[in-house]
Amino acid sequence: MAVFAKARIEKIIKASGAERVSAKSIVRMDELVAEFGKSTSKTAIDFAKAAGRKTVQGADIKVAVSKIGVPKYSPTGPKSKAFAKARVERVIRDAGAERVSGDAVDYLNKQLEAYCYTLAKSAVDIARHAKRKTIKDTDIMP
């Protein structure tokens, strides 16, 4: 089941240099980004609980991301919201959060975009090496 909007994912993949994108690659990217968001959220929830809070804050997400090690580069600028806030909040809540602050949603959104862009960049490199213009699902690897 798709977690994020397919059009947003396709936009990020094309922003990374892809000419064409297969439908299966969009689904694969959605799965990987959702999985990353869930694992990051679980780590952030653990930090919030350790601090004695029910609310996951932006600082918790920052610490979780620093533990996992994700690039901080966002291709579309600092004010960009790659994915819908409600979808990002749903990912955090599905990971087990009781409460979620707005800055946690914003920060995770930026990190999900950066992760998606990084995966897309490597997929574009793989496709170019294979002398293809279309990004396939097999090109997208974590």
Foldseek 3Di string as FASTA:
>chain_A
DALFDLVLLVVLLVLLPFPAEDPQQSVLLRVVLLVVLLQLLLQLCVVCVVVVHLERELVSSVVSCVVVPFDQDASPDLVDQSTDLVSSVVSNVVSPGPHYDPNNSSNSRSRSRRRSNVQSNQQCVVCVVVVHRYRDNVSRDD
